[in-house]
Amino acid sequence: MKGYWDHLEALRKQAAEAALISALATSPQKRALFAKIAEHLNTLAAAVEEALTAGFVVDGGQTHKVRSGAVPPVSKLSNTFGC
């Protein structure tokens, strides 16, 4: 399950980077674009964290409730996150 939390942390870092780029952008269009990207990434991170906290994981396109202490299969995790 640690891999899922690592991906969540990466999402948060990407959201912070997009927010920083937005703040530093000189073009109003780029500022708005990166602010929107940061907002979307933060929303996604919140949804992922909520699902992980509730014990849900996705494997092969199917959602599973993971028992406490169980290790979920990660055979298709890399495809899910595009790694």
N, C-alpha and C. Protein backbone atom coordinates (compact mmCIF):
# COMPACT_ATOMS: atom_id res chain seq x y z
N MET A 1 0.83 -1.19 0.00
CA MET A 1 0.00 0.00 0.00
C MET A 1 0.87 1.25 0.00
N LYS A 2 2.13 1.11 0.35
CA LYS A 2 3.04 2.25 0.39
C LYS A 2 3.16 2.92 -0.97
N GLY A 3 3.13 2.15 -2.05
CA GLY A 3 3.23 2.71 -3.38
C GLY A 3 2.11 3.70 -3.68
N TYR A 4 0.92 3.41 -3.18
CA TYR A 4 -0.21 4.31 -3.38
C TYR A 4 0.04 5.64 -2.67
N TRP A 5 0.55 5.56 -1.45
CA TRP A 5 0.83 6.78 -0.69
C TRP A 5 1.96 7.57 -1.33
N ASP A 6 2.92 6.88 -1.93
CA ASP A 6 3.99 7.57 -2.64
C ASP A 6 3.44 8.33 -3.84
N HIS A 7 2.49 7.75 -4.54
CA HIS A 7 1.86 8.43 -5.67
C HIS A 7 1.05 9.63 -5.20
N LEU A 8 0.42 9.49 -4.04
CA LEU A 8 -0.32 10.62 -3.47
C LEU A 8 0.63 11.77 -3.15
N GLU A 9 1.77 11.45 -2.56
CA GLU A 9 2.76 12.49 -2.26
C GLU A 9 3.25 13.16 -3.55
N ALA A 10 3.45 12.38 -4.60
CA ALA A 10 3.88 12.94 -5.88
C ALA A 10 2.82 13.89 -6.44
N LEU A 11 1.55 13.53 -6.31
CA LEU A 11 0.47 14.41 -6.77
C LEU A 11 0.51 15.74 -6.02
N ARG A 12 0.73 15.67 -4.72
CA ARG A 12 0.79 16.90 -3.92
C ARG A 12 1.98 17.77 -4.33
N LYS A 13 3.11 17.13 -4.60
CA LYS A 13 4.29 17.90 -5.05
C LYS A 13 4.02 18.56 -6.39
N GLN A 14 3.38 17.83 -7.31
CA GLN A 14 3.06 18.40 -8.62
C GLN A 14 2.09 19.56 -8.48
N ALA A 15 1.13 19.46 -7.57
CA ALA A 15 0.18 20.55 -7.34
C ALA A 15 0.92 21.78 -6.80
N ALA A 16 1.86 21.57 -5.89
CA ALA A 16 2.63 22.69 -5.33
C ALA A 16 3.50 23.33 -6.41
N GLU A 17 4.10 22.51 -7.26
CA GLU A 17 4.91 23.05 -8.35
C GLU A 17 4.07 23.86 -9.33
N ALA A 18 2.88 23.37 -9.65
CA ALA A 18 2.00 24.10 -10.56
C ALA A 18 1.57 25.42 -9.94
N ALA A 19 1.30 25.42 -8.64
CA ALA A 19 0.93 26.66 -7.96
C ALA A 19 2.09 27.65 -7.97
N LEU A 20 3.30 27.15 -7.78
CA LEU A 20 4.47 28.03 -7.81
C LEU A 20 4.67 28.61 -9.20
N ILE A 21 4.55 27.79 -10.22
CA ILE A 21 4.67 28.28 -11.60
C ILE A 21 3.61 29.33 -11.88
N SER A 22 2.40 29.09 -11.38
CA SER A 22 1.32 30.06 -11.56
C SER A 22 1.68 31.39 -10.92
N ALA A 23 2.23 31.33 -9.72
CA ALA A 23 2.59 32.56 -9.00
C ALA A 23 3.72 33.32 -9.70
N LEU A 24 4.61 32.59 -10.36
CA LEU A 24 5.76 33.22 -11.01
C LEU A 24 5.51 33.61 -12.47
N ALA A 25 4.43 33.12 -13.04
CA ALA A 25 4.15 33.37 -14.46
C ALA A 25 3.89 34.85 -14.70
N THR A 26 4.42 35.33 -15.82
CA THR A 26 4.21 36.74 -16.17
C THR A 26 3.00 36.90 -17.08
N SER A 27 2.64 35.87 -17.79
CA SER A 27 1.49 35.92 -18.69
C SER A 27 0.21 35.58 -17.91
N PRO A 28 -0.83 36.40 -18.02
CA PRO A 28 -2.08 36.10 -17.33
C PRO A 28 -2.68 34.75 -17.76
N GLN A 29 -2.51 34.38 -19.03
CA GLN A 29 -3.05 33.11 -19.51
C GLN A 29 -2.32 31.93 -18.85
N LYS A 30 -1.00 32.03 -18.77
CA LYS A 30 -0.24 30.94 -18.14
C LYS A 30 -0.51 30.90 -16.64
N ARG A 31 -0.66 32.06 -16.03
CA ARG A 31 -0.98 32.11 -14.61
C ARG A 31 -2.29 31.37 -14.34
N ALA A 32 -3.29 31.66 -15.15
CA ALA A 32 -4.60 31.02 -14.99
C ALA A 32 -4.53 29.52 -15.28
N LEU A 33 -3.79 29.15 -16.31
CA LEU A 33 -3.67 27.74 -16.68
C LEU A 33 -3.02 26.94 -15.55
N PHE A 34 -1.89 27.41 -15.02
CA PHE A 34 -1.21 26.65 -13.97
C PHE A 34 -1.97 26.68 -12.65
N ALA A 35 -2.73 27.73 -12.41
CA ALA A 35 -3.59 27.76 -11.21
C ALA A 35 -4.67 26.70 -11.33
N LYS A 36 -5.23 26.55 -12.53
CA LYS A 36 -6.26 25.53 -12.75
C LYS A 36 -5.67 24.13 -12.64
N ILE A 37 -4.47 23.94 -13.17
CA ILE A 37 -3.80 22.63 -13.05
C ILE A 37 -3.56 22.31 -11.58
N ALA A 38 -3.08 23.28 -10.81
CA ALA A 38 -2.83 23.07 -9.38
C ALA A 38 -4.12 22.70 -8.66
N GLU A 39 -5.21 23.39 -9.00
CA GLU A 39 -6.50 23.10 -8.39
C GLU A 39 -6.96 21.67 -8.71
N HIS A 40 -6.81 21.27 -9.95
CA HIS A 40 -7.20 19.91 -10.35
C HIS A 40 -6.35 18.86 -9.64
N LEU A 41 -5.05 19.10 -9.55
CA LEU A 41 -4.18 18.14 -8.88
C LEU A 41 -4.50 18.04 -7.39
N ASN A 42 -4.80 19.17 -6.77
CA ASN A 42 -5.19 19.15 -5.36
C ASN A 42 -6.50 18.40 -5.15
N THR A 43 -7.45 18.58 -6.05
CA THR A 43 -8.72 17.87 -5.97
C THR A 43 -8.49 16.37 -6.13
N LEU A 44 -7.66 16.00 -7.09
CA LEU A 44 -7.34 14.59 -7.31
C LEU A 44 -6.65 14.00 -6.09
N ALA A 45 -5.67 14.72 -5.53
CA ALA A 45 -4.96 14.23 -4.35
C ALA A 45 -5.92 14.03 -3.18
N ALA A 46 -6.86 14.95 -3.00
CA ALA A 46 -7.83 14.81 -1.91
C ALA A 46 -8.70 13.57 -2.11
N ALA A 47 -9.12 13.32 -3.34
CA ALA A 47 -9.94 12.14 -3.63
C ALA A 47 -9.15 10.85 -3.43
N VAL A 48 -7.90 10.84 -3.85
CA VAL A 48 -7.05 9.65 -3.68
C VAL A 48 -6.82 9.40 -2.19
N GLU A 49 -6.54 10.45 -1.44
CA GLU A 49 -6.31 10.29 -0.01
C GLU A 49 -7.57 9.75 0.69
N GLU A 50 -8.72 10.28 0.30
CA GLU A 50 -9.97 9.80 0.88
C GLU A 50 -10.18 8.31 0.60
N ALA A 51 -9.90 7.90 -0.64
CA ALA A 51 -10.06 6.49 -1.00
C ALA A 51 -9.05 5.62 -0.25
N LEU A 52 -7.82 6.08 -0.13
CA LEU A 52 -6.81 5.29 0.58
C LEU A 52 -7.14 5.19 2.06
N THR A 53 -7.58 6.29 2.64
CA THR A 53 -7.93 6.28 4.06
C THR A 53 -9.10 5.34 4.32
N ALA A 54 -10.03 5.27 3.36
CA ALA A 54 -11.17 4.37 3.50
C ALA A 54 -10.80 2.92 3.20
N GLY A 55 -9.59 2.71 2.63
CA GLY A 55 -9.13 1.35 2.36
C GLY A 55 -9.45 0.85 0.97
N PHE A 56 -9.77 1.74 0.04
CA PHE A 56 -10.09 1.33 -1.32
C PHE A 56 -8.87 1.47 -2.22
N VAL A 57 -8.66 0.49 -3.09
CA VAL A 57 -7.60 0.54 -4.09
C VAL A 57 -8.15 0.05 -5.41
N VAL A 58 -7.51 0.44 -6.49
CA VAL A 58 -7.92 0.02 -7.83
C VAL A 58 -6.84 -0.88 -8.39
N ASP A 59 -7.25 -2.03 -8.91
CA ASP A 59 -6.30 -2.95 -9.54
C ASP A 59 -6.96 -3.48 -10.80
N GLY A 60 -6.38 -3.20 -11.92
CA GLY A 60 -6.92 -3.71 -13.18
C GLY A 60 -8.28 -3.15 -13.52
N GLY A 61 -8.55 -1.91 -13.10
CA GLY A 61 -9.81 -1.28 -13.41
C GLY A 61 -10.94 -1.63 -12.47
N GLN A 62 -10.68 -2.46 -11.45
CA GLN A 62 -11.71 -2.83 -10.49
C GLN A 62 -11.34 -2.27 -9.12
N THR A 63 -12.33 -1.76 -8.40
CA THR A 63 -12.11 -1.20 -7.08
C THR A 63 -12.32 -2.29 -6.04
N HIS A 64 -11.41 -2.36 -5.08
CA HIS A 64 -11.46 -3.36 -4.03
C HIS A 64 -11.35 -2.68 -2.68
N LYS A 65 -12.05 -3.20 -1.71
CA LYS A 65 -11.88 -2.78 -0.33
C LYS A 65 -10.79 -3.66 0.25
N VAL A 66 -9.73 -3.04 0.76
CA VAL A 66 -8.59 -3.79 1.29
C VAL A 66 -8.78 -3.99 2.79
N ARG A 67 -8.59 -5.24 3.22
CA ARG A 67 -8.65 -5.53 4.65
C ARG A 67 -7.46 -4.87 5.32
N SER A 68 -7.65 -4.49 6.54
CA SER A 68 -6.58 -3.87 7.30
C SER A 68 -5.39 -4.82 7.37
N GLY A 69 -4.23 -4.33 6.99
CA GLY A 69 -3.02 -5.13 7.02
C GLY A 69 -2.78 -5.96 5.78
N ALA A 70 -3.76 -6.02 4.87
CA ALA A 70 -3.60 -6.80 3.65
C ALA A 70 -2.78 -6.02 2.64
N VAL A 71 -2.04 -6.72 1.83
CA VAL A 71 -1.24 -6.09 0.79
C VAL A 71 -1.98 -6.27 -0.53
N PRO A 72 -2.39 -5.17 -1.16
CA PRO A 72 -3.14 -5.29 -2.41
C PRO A 72 -2.24 -5.69 -3.56
N PRO A 73 -2.79 -6.36 -4.56
CA PRO A 73 -1.98 -6.68 -5.74
C PRO A 73 -1.67 -5.39 -6.49
N VAL A 74 -0.46 -5.27 -6.99
CA VAL A 74 -0.06 -4.04 -7.68
C VAL A 74 0.37 -4.32 -9.10
N SER A 75 -0.13 -5.42 -9.65
CA SER A 75 0.31 -5.83 -10.99
C SER A 75 0.04 -4.77 -12.04
N LYS A 76 -1.03 -4.01 -11.91
CA LYS A 76 -1.37 -3.03 -12.94
C LYS A 76 -1.32 -1.61 -12.40
N LEU A 77 -0.71 -1.43 -11.23
CA LEU A 77 -0.63 -0.11 -10.63
C LEU A 77 0.11 0.87 -11.50
N SER A 78 1.20 0.43 -12.12
CA SER A 78 1.99 1.35 -12.95
C SER A 78 1.17 1.85 -14.12
N ASN A 79 0.30 1.02 -14.69
CA ASN A 79 -0.56 1.46 -15.78
C ASN A 79 -1.61 2.45 -15.29
N THR A 80 -2.10 2.24 -14.08
CA THR A 80 -3.12 3.11 -13.51
C THR A 80 -2.60 4.53 -13.35
N PHE A 81 -1.35 4.66 -12.92
CA PHE A 81 -0.77 5.97 -12.69
C PHE A 81 0.09 6.44 -13.84
N GLY A 82 0.15 5.70 -14.91
CA GLY A 82 0.87 6.12 -16.09
C GLY A 82 2.39 6.11 -15.93
N CYS A 83 2.90 5.24 -15.08
CA CYS A 83 4.35 5.15 -14.86
C CYS A 83 4.98 4.16 -15.81
